[in-house]
Amino acid sequence: MASAFTVRLETNTLKALDRLAEKTERSRTWLVTRAVEDYVALNEWQVAKIEAGIKAADQGEFAPDEDISRLRRKFSKAK
């Protein structure tokens, strides 16, 4: 079930949204809904990965020193 709420956008953003809606033959609502869904999905994924990394670190699951040294050498040569 969908619920409605109000959002305020800067005038320039709203104008850009309207141009995009016209060019893509989509409504403002459709575009904003997709944008919010994409944003939420991406950030949920990112937070879950961060939390998993923190949990692993709390459990002492770190990369071996040799791996870290190899990566440092690799990226210092890339400069």
N, C-alpha and C. Protein backbone atom coordinates (compact mmCIF):
# COMPACT_ATOMS: atom_id res chain seq x y z
N MET A 1 0.84 -1.18 0.00
CA MET A 1 0.00 0.00 0.00
C MET A 1 0.89 1.24 0.00
N ALA A 2 0.61 2.16 -0.85
CA ALA A 2 1.38 3.40 -0.94
C ALA A 2 0.81 4.45 0.00
N SER A 3 1.69 5.25 0.55
CA SER A 3 1.29 6.36 1.41
C SER A 3 1.84 7.64 0.80
N ALA A 4 1.14 8.72 1.01
CA ALA A 4 1.55 10.01 0.45
C ALA A 4 2.23 10.85 1.52
N PHE A 5 3.17 11.69 1.07
CA PHE A 5 3.76 12.70 1.93
C PHE A 5 4.25 13.84 1.05
N THR A 6 4.54 14.96 1.67
CA THR A 6 4.96 16.14 0.93
C THR A 6 6.46 16.30 1.03
N VAL A 7 7.06 16.72 -0.06
CA VAL A 7 8.49 16.99 -0.08
C VAL A 7 8.70 18.35 -0.72
N ARG A 8 9.65 19.12 -0.19
CA ARG A 8 9.95 20.43 -0.75
C ARG A 8 11.26 20.33 -1.52
N LEU A 9 11.25 20.85 -2.73
CA LEU A 9 12.44 20.86 -3.58
C LEU A 9 12.78 22.29 -3.95
N GLU A 10 14.06 22.53 -4.16
CA GLU A 10 14.48 23.82 -4.68
C GLU A 10 13.85 24.01 -6.06
N THR A 11 13.59 25.23 -6.41
CA THR A 11 12.94 25.54 -7.69
C THR A 11 13.70 24.94 -8.87
N ASN A 12 15.03 25.08 -8.86
CA ASN A 12 15.83 24.54 -9.96
C ASN A 12 15.71 23.02 -10.07
N THR A 13 15.66 22.36 -8.92
CA THR A 13 15.52 20.90 -8.93
C THR A 13 14.15 20.51 -9.47
N LEU A 14 13.13 21.22 -9.07
CA LEU A 14 11.78 20.92 -9.55
C LEU A 14 11.68 21.14 -11.06
N LYS A 15 12.29 22.21 -11.54
CA LYS A 15 12.27 22.46 -12.99
C LYS A 15 13.00 21.35 -13.74
N ALA A 16 14.14 20.91 -13.20
CA ALA A 16 14.89 19.82 -13.82
C ALA A 16 14.08 18.53 -13.79
N LEU A 17 13.39 18.30 -12.71
CA LEU A 17 12.53 17.12 -12.60
C LEU A 17 11.42 17.17 -13.64
N ASP A 18 10.83 18.32 -13.81
CA ASP A 18 9.77 18.47 -14.82
C ASP A 18 10.31 18.24 -16.24
N ARG A 19 11.51 18.76 -16.52
CA ARG A 19 12.11 18.52 -17.84
C ARG A 19 12.36 17.03 -18.06
N LEU A 20 12.88 16.38 -17.03
CA LEU A 20 13.15 14.95 -17.14
C LEU A 20 11.85 14.17 -17.31
N ALA A 21 10.84 14.54 -16.58
CA ALA A 21 9.54 13.86 -16.70
C ALA A 21 9.00 13.99 -18.12
N GLU A 22 9.12 15.19 -18.67
CA GLU A 22 8.63 15.41 -20.03
C GLU A 22 9.43 14.59 -21.05
N LYS A 23 10.74 14.62 -20.93
CA LYS A 23 11.60 13.90 -21.88
C LYS A 23 11.45 12.39 -21.79
N THR A 24 11.19 11.88 -20.59
CA THR A 24 11.06 10.43 -20.41
C THR A 24 9.62 9.95 -20.47
N GLU A 25 8.71 10.91 -20.62
CA GLU A 25 7.28 10.59 -20.65
C GLU A 25 6.85 9.84 -19.40
N ARG A 26 7.35 10.30 -18.27
CA ARG A 26 7.00 9.76 -16.95
C ARG A 26 6.48 10.91 -16.10
N SER A 27 5.77 10.57 -15.07
CA SER A 27 5.26 11.60 -14.17
C SER A 27 6.31 11.96 -13.12
N ARG A 28 6.15 13.12 -12.51
CA ARG A 28 7.00 13.51 -11.39
C ARG A 28 6.99 12.43 -10.33
N THR A 29 5.79 11.97 -10.01
CA THR A 29 5.63 10.96 -8.96
C THR A 29 6.41 9.70 -9.29
N TRP A 30 6.33 9.25 -10.53
CA TRP A 30 7.03 8.02 -10.92
C TRP A 30 8.53 8.21 -10.74
N LEU A 31 9.06 9.34 -11.23
CA LEU A 31 10.49 9.60 -11.13
C LEU A 31 10.96 9.71 -9.68
N VAL A 32 10.22 10.43 -8.86
CA VAL A 32 10.61 10.61 -7.46
C VAL A 32 10.51 9.28 -6.71
N THR A 33 9.49 8.51 -6.99
CA THR A 33 9.35 7.20 -6.34
C THR A 33 10.53 6.31 -6.67
N ARG A 34 10.90 6.25 -7.96
CA ARG A 34 12.06 5.42 -8.36
C ARG A 34 13.34 5.93 -7.69
N ALA A 35 13.50 7.25 -7.66
CA ALA A 35 14.72 7.82 -7.07
C ALA A 35 14.82 7.48 -5.58
N VAL A 36 13.73 7.60 -4.87
CA VAL A 36 13.74 7.29 -3.43
C VAL A 36 13.97 5.80 -3.22
N GLU A 37 13.31 4.96 -4.01
CA GLU A 37 13.51 3.51 -3.88
C GLU A 37 14.97 3.14 -4.12
N ASP A 38 15.57 3.70 -5.16
CA ASP A 38 16.98 3.42 -5.47
C ASP A 38 17.89 3.90 -4.35
N TYR A 39 17.64 5.10 -3.84
CA TYR A 39 18.45 5.67 -2.76
C TYR A 39 18.37 4.80 -1.51
N VAL A 40 17.17 4.41 -1.14
CA VAL A 40 16.98 3.60 0.06
C VAL A 40 17.65 2.24 -0.11
N ALA A 41 17.47 1.60 -1.25
CA ALA A 41 18.08 0.29 -1.49
C ALA A 41 19.60 0.37 -1.42
N LEU A 42 20.19 1.37 -2.07
CA LEU A 42 21.64 1.53 -2.05
C LEU A 42 22.16 1.75 -0.64
N ASN A 43 21.50 2.63 0.10
CA ASN A 43 21.97 2.94 1.44
C ASN A 43 21.73 1.80 2.42
N GLU A 44 20.65 1.04 2.26
CA GLU A 44 20.44 -0.15 3.10
C GLU A 44 21.57 -1.15 2.85
N TRP A 45 21.93 -1.35 1.57
CA TRP A 45 23.01 -2.27 1.23
C TRP A 45 24.32 -1.80 1.85
N GLN A 46 24.61 -0.51 1.70
CA GLN A 46 25.86 0.03 2.21
C GLN A 46 25.94 -0.09 3.73
N VAL A 47 24.87 0.25 4.43
CA VAL A 47 24.86 0.15 5.89
C VAL A 47 25.04 -1.30 6.32
N ALA A 48 24.38 -2.24 5.63
CA ALA A 48 24.53 -3.65 5.97
C ALA A 48 25.98 -4.10 5.79
N LYS A 49 26.65 -3.67 4.72
CA LYS A 49 28.05 -4.02 4.50
C LYS A 49 28.95 -3.42 5.58
N ILE A 50 28.68 -2.20 5.97
CA ILE A 50 29.46 -1.55 7.03
C ILE A 50 29.26 -2.29 8.34
N GLU A 51 28.01 -2.60 8.67
CA GLU A 51 27.73 -3.33 9.91
C GLU A 51 28.40 -4.70 9.92
N ALA A 52 28.39 -5.39 8.78
CA ALA A 52 29.05 -6.70 8.68
C ALA A 52 30.55 -6.55 8.89
N GLY A 53 31.14 -5.50 8.33
CA GLY A 53 32.56 -5.26 8.52
C GLY A 53 32.92 -4.95 9.96
N ILE A 54 32.09 -4.16 10.61
CA ILE A 54 32.32 -3.84 12.03
C ILE A 54 32.20 -5.11 12.87
N LYS A 55 31.19 -5.92 12.58
CA LYS A 55 31.01 -7.17 13.32
C LYS A 55 32.23 -8.08 13.14
N ALA A 56 32.69 -8.19 11.90
CA ALA A 56 33.87 -9.02 11.63
C ALA A 56 35.09 -8.47 12.38
N ALA A 57 35.26 -7.15 12.36
CA ALA A 57 36.40 -6.55 13.06
C ALA A 57 36.29 -6.78 14.57
N ASP A 58 35.08 -6.65 15.10
CA ASP A 58 34.87 -6.89 16.54
C ASP A 58 35.21 -8.33 16.92
N GLN A 59 35.06 -9.25 15.97
CA GLN A 59 35.37 -10.65 16.21
C GLN A 59 36.82 -10.98 15.89
N GLY A 60 37.59 -9.94 15.54
CA GLY A 60 39.00 -10.13 15.27
C GLY A 60 39.31 -10.67 13.88
N GLU A 61 38.37 -10.57 12.98
CA GLU A 61 38.57 -11.07 11.63
C GLU A 61 39.17 -9.96 10.76
N PHE A 62 40.48 -9.91 10.76
CA PHE A 62 41.20 -8.91 9.98
C PHE A 62 41.99 -9.60 8.88
N ALA A 63 42.38 -8.83 7.90
CA ALA A 63 43.25 -9.36 6.86
C ALA A 63 44.63 -9.60 7.46
N PRO A 64 45.30 -10.66 7.02
CA PRO A 64 46.67 -10.90 7.52
C PRO A 64 47.60 -9.75 7.15
N ASP A 65 48.63 -9.54 7.95
CA ASP A 65 49.59 -8.46 7.71
C ASP A 65 50.21 -8.54 6.32
N GLU A 66 50.44 -9.76 5.83
CA GLU A 66 51.05 -9.93 4.50
C GLU A 66 50.14 -9.34 3.42
N ASP A 67 48.84 -9.57 3.55
CA ASP A 67 47.89 -9.03 2.56
C ASP A 67 47.88 -7.50 2.58
N ILE A 68 47.92 -6.94 3.75
CA ILE A 68 47.90 -5.48 3.89
C ILE A 68 49.18 -4.90 3.28
N SER A 69 50.32 -5.53 3.58
CA SER A 69 51.59 -5.06 3.01
C SER A 69 51.58 -5.13 1.50
N ARG A 70 51.05 -6.21 0.95
CA ARG A 70 50.97 -6.37 -0.51
C ARG A 70 50.11 -5.27 -1.13
N LEU A 71 48.98 -4.96 -0.50
CA LEU A 71 48.11 -3.91 -1.02
C LEU A 71 48.78 -2.53 -0.93
N ARG A 72 49.47 -2.29 0.15
CA ARG A 72 50.17 -1.01 0.27
C ARG A 72 51.21 -0.85 -0.83
N ARG A 73 51.97 -1.92 -1.08
CA ARG A 73 52.98 -1.86 -2.14
C ARG A 73 52.31 -1.63 -3.50
N LYS A 74 51.24 -2.35 -3.72
CA LYS A 74 50.53 -2.24 -5.00
C LYS A 74 50.06 -0.81 -5.26
N PHE A 75 49.42 -0.21 -4.27
CA PHE A 75 48.86 1.11 -4.49
C PHE A 75 49.88 2.23 -4.37
N SER A 76 50.99 1.99 -3.70
CA SER A 76 52.03 3.03 -3.67
C SER A 76 52.75 3.09 -5.00
N LYS A 77 52.81 1.97 -5.72
CA LYS A 77 53.42 1.93 -7.06
C LYS A 77 52.50 2.55 -8.10
N ALA A 78 51.20 2.55 -7.84
CA ALA A 78 50.22 3.06 -8.81
C ALA A 78 50.31 4.57 -8.98
N LYS A 79 50.91 5.23 -8.04
CA LYS A 79 51.01 6.70 -8.11
C LYS A 79 51.93 7.08 -9.17
